[in-house]
Amino acid sequence: MSSARAVHILVKSEKLAREMIKLLAKGVPFDKLAKKHSICSSAKKGGDLGEFRQGQMVKGFDDVVFKKPLLKVHGPIKTKFGYHVIKTLYRS
């Protein structure tokens, strides 16, 4: 089974997720935005979720991490938790 490591920013609105993507495109560091805006407990670690296995996360999130290009910002991805901005660091 595959595993991956990803960072994400979880926010309550699509509008805020789009704002995060714009700021990232302007060069604002991912970890800085995650610490300031993410409502996930991973925020204090700069949005770092560590390594996890395929199927451990909700489907929409999992699909991005295991199917989309690495080291690119993806989002907004809507799940039952809110809107995610996701960057996959590696897959193995």
C-alpha atoms as a PDB file:
ATOM      1  CA  MET A   1       0.000   0.000   0.000  1.00  0.00           C
ATOM      2  CA  SER A   2       1.204   3.503  -0.856  1.00  0.00           C
ATOM      3  CA  SER A   3       2.082   6.126   1.695  1.00  0.00           C
ATOM      4  CA  ALA A   4       2.648   9.849   1.350  1.00  0.00           C
ATOM      5  CA  ARG A   5       3.490  12.998   3.245  1.00  0.00           C
ATOM      6  CA  ALA A   6       1.527  16.183   2.768  1.00  0.00           C
ATOM      7  CA  VAL A   7       1.021  19.638   4.197  1.00  0.00           C
ATOM      8  CA  HIS A   8      -2.347  21.363   4.134  1.00  0.00           C
ATOM      9  CA  ILE A   9      -4.251  24.420   5.191  1.00  0.00           C
ATOM     10  CA  LEU A  10      -7.829  23.785   6.323  1.00  0.00           C
ATOM     11  CA  VAL A  11     -10.255  26.717   6.338  1.00  0.00           C
ATOM     12  CA  LYS A  12     -14.017  27.121   6.633  1.00  0.00           C
ATOM     13  CA  SER A  13     -14.739  28.829   3.304  1.00  0.00           C
ATOM     14  CA  GLU A  14     -13.868  28.359  -0.349  1.00  0.00           C
ATOM     15  CA  LYS A  15     -13.161  32.101  -0.554  1.00  0.00           C
ATOM     16  CA  LEU A  16     -10.532  31.883   2.190  1.00  0.00           C
ATOM     17  CA  ALA A  17      -8.978  28.790   0.557  1.00  0.00           C
ATOM     18  CA  ARG A  18      -8.679  30.723  -2.726  1.00  0.00           C
ATOM     19  CA  GLU A  19      -7.047  33.593  -0.816  1.00  0.00           C
ATOM     20  CA  MET A  20      -4.480  31.156   0.628  1.00  0.00           C
ATOM     21  CA  ILE A  21      -3.672  29.906  -2.902  1.00  0.00           C
ATOM     22  CA  LYS A  22      -3.152  33.504  -4.103  1.00  0.00           C
ATOM     23  CA  LEU A  23      -0.815  34.252  -1.180  1.00  0.00           C
ATOM     24  CA  LEU A  24       1.161  31.042  -1.824  1.00  0.00           C
ATOM     25  CA  ALA A  25       1.513  32.050  -5.491  1.00  0.00           C
ATOM     26  CA  LYS A  26       2.975  35.374  -4.307  1.00  0.00           C
ATOM     27  CA  GLY A  27       5.617  33.492  -2.330  1.00  0.00           C
ATOM     28  CA  VAL A  28       4.203  33.527   1.203  1.00  0.00           C
ATOM     29  CA  PRO A  29       5.596  30.404   2.959  1.00  0.00           C
ATOM     30  CA  PHE A  30       3.125  27.512   3.272  1.00  0.00           C
ATOM     31  CA  ASP A  31       3.936  26.866   6.952  1.00  0.00           C
ATOM     32  CA  LYS A  32       3.395  30.514   7.856  1.00  0.00           C
ATOM     33  CA  LEU A  33      -0.098  30.544   6.289  1.00  0.00           C
ATOM     34  CA  ALA A  34      -0.986  27.195   7.886  1.00  0.00           C
ATOM     35  CA  LYS A  35       0.064  28.376  11.354  1.00  0.00           C
ATOM     36  CA  LYS A  36      -1.964  31.572  11.009  1.00  0.00           C
ATOM     37  CA  HIS A  37      -5.120  30.381   9.211  1.00  0.00           C
ATOM     38  CA  SER A  38      -5.576  26.591   9.367  1.00  0.00           C
ATOM     39  CA  ILE A  39      -8.275  25.237  11.690  1.00  0.00           C
ATOM     40  CA  CYS A  40      -6.642  21.776  11.718  1.00  0.00           C
ATOM     41  CA  SER A  41      -4.560  20.641  14.702  1.00  0.00           C
ATOM     42  CA  SER A  42      -1.672  20.273  12.228  1.00  0.00           C
ATOM     43  CA  ALA A  43      -1.523  24.099  12.027  1.00  0.00           C
ATOM     44  CA  LYS A  44       1.027  24.320  14.833  1.00  0.00           C
ATOM     45  CA  LYS A  45       3.334  22.124  12.726  1.00  0.00           C
ATOM     46  CA  GLY A  46       2.906  24.379   9.691  1.00  0.00           C
ATOM     47  CA  GLY A  47       0.175  22.135   8.271  1.00  0.00           C
ATOM     48  CA  ASP A  48       2.425  19.055   8.226  1.00  0.00           C
ATOM     49  CA  LEU A  49       0.376  15.867   8.482  1.00  0.00           C
ATOM     50  CA  GLY A  50       3.425  13.614   8.540  1.00  0.00           C
ATOM     51  CA  GLU A  51       3.382  10.339   6.658  1.00  0.00           C
ATOM     52  CA  PHE A  52       0.106   8.460   6.196  1.00  0.00           C
ATOM     53  CA  ARG A  53      -1.189   5.539   4.171  1.00  0.00           C
ATOM     54  CA  GLN A  54      -3.567   5.644   1.228  1.00  0.00           C
ATOM     55  CA  GLY A  55      -7.127   5.327   2.545  1.00  0.00           C
ATOM     56  CA  GLN A  56      -6.421   6.935   5.936  1.00  0.00           C
ATOM     57  CA  MET A  57      -7.752  10.340   4.878  1.00  0.00           C
ATOM     58  CA  VAL A  58     -11.179  11.277   3.516  1.00  0.00           C
ATOM     59  CA  LYS A  59     -11.620  10.407  -0.169  1.00  0.00           C
ATOM     60  CA  GLY A  60     -11.363  13.895  -1.717  1.00  0.00           C
ATOM     61  CA  PHE A  61      -8.178  14.558   0.209  1.00  0.00           C
ATOM     62  CA  ASP A  62      -6.751  11.116  -0.560  1.00  0.00           C
ATOM     63  CA  ASP A  63      -7.438  11.539  -4.294  1.00  0.00           C
ATOM     64  CA  VAL A  64      -5.355  14.719  -4.428  1.00  0.00           C
ATOM     65  CA  VAL A  65      -2.460  13.324  -2.391  1.00  0.00           C
ATOM     66  CA  PHE A  66      -2.197  10.051  -4.299  1.00  0.00           C
ATOM     67  CA  LYS A  67      -3.165  11.118  -7.842  1.00  0.00           C
ATOM     68  CA  LYS A  68      -2.146  14.754  -8.438  1.00  0.00           C
ATOM     69  CA  PRO A  69       1.378  16.071  -9.172  1.00  0.00           C
ATOM     70  CA  LEU A  70       3.833  16.333  -6.275  1.00  0.00           C
ATOM     71  CA  LEU A  71       5.026  19.667  -4.834  1.00  0.00           C
ATOM     72  CA  LYS A  72       2.180  21.620  -6.466  1.00  0.00           C
ATOM     73  CA  VAL A  73      -0.541  23.451  -4.567  1.00  0.00           C
ATOM     74  CA  HIS A  74      -4.007  21.926  -5.089  1.00  0.00           C
ATOM     75  CA  GLY A  75      -7.335  23.283  -3.963  1.00  0.00           C
ATOM     76  CA  PRO A  76      -9.724  24.299  -2.792  1.00  0.00           C
ATOM     77  CA  ILE A  77     -10.717  20.693  -2.026  1.00  0.00           C
ATOM     78  CA  LYS A  78     -14.018  20.440  -0.149  1.00  0.00           C
ATOM     79  CA  THR A  79     -14.472  17.714   2.469  1.00  0.00           C
ATOM     80  CA  LYS A  80     -16.733  17.347   5.506  1.00  0.00           C
ATOM     81  CA  PHE A  81     -14.056  19.229   7.495  1.00  0.00           C
ATOM     82  CA  GLY A  82     -13.978  22.346   5.298  1.00  0.00           C
ATOM     83  CA  TYR A  83     -11.814  23.494   2.388  1.00  0.00           C
ATOM     84  CA  HIS A  84      -8.262  22.232   2.009  1.00  0.00           C
ATOM     85  CA  VAL A  85      -5.251  23.653   0.227  1.00  0.00           C
ATOM     86  CA  ILE A  86      -2.921  20.678  -0.186  1.00  0.00           C
ATOM     87  CA  LYS A  87       0.691  20.149  -1.206  1.00  0.00           C
ATOM     88  CA  THR A  88       2.013  16.579  -1.405  1.00  0.00           C
ATOM     89  CA  LEU A  89       5.700  16.401  -0.463  1.00  0.00           C
ATOM     90  CA  TYR A  90       6.366  12.799  -1.495  1.00  0.00           C
ATOM     91  CA  ARG A  91       4.762   9.420  -2.161  1.00  0.00           C
ATOM     92  CA  SER A  92       6.287   5.982  -1.708  1.00  0.00           C
END
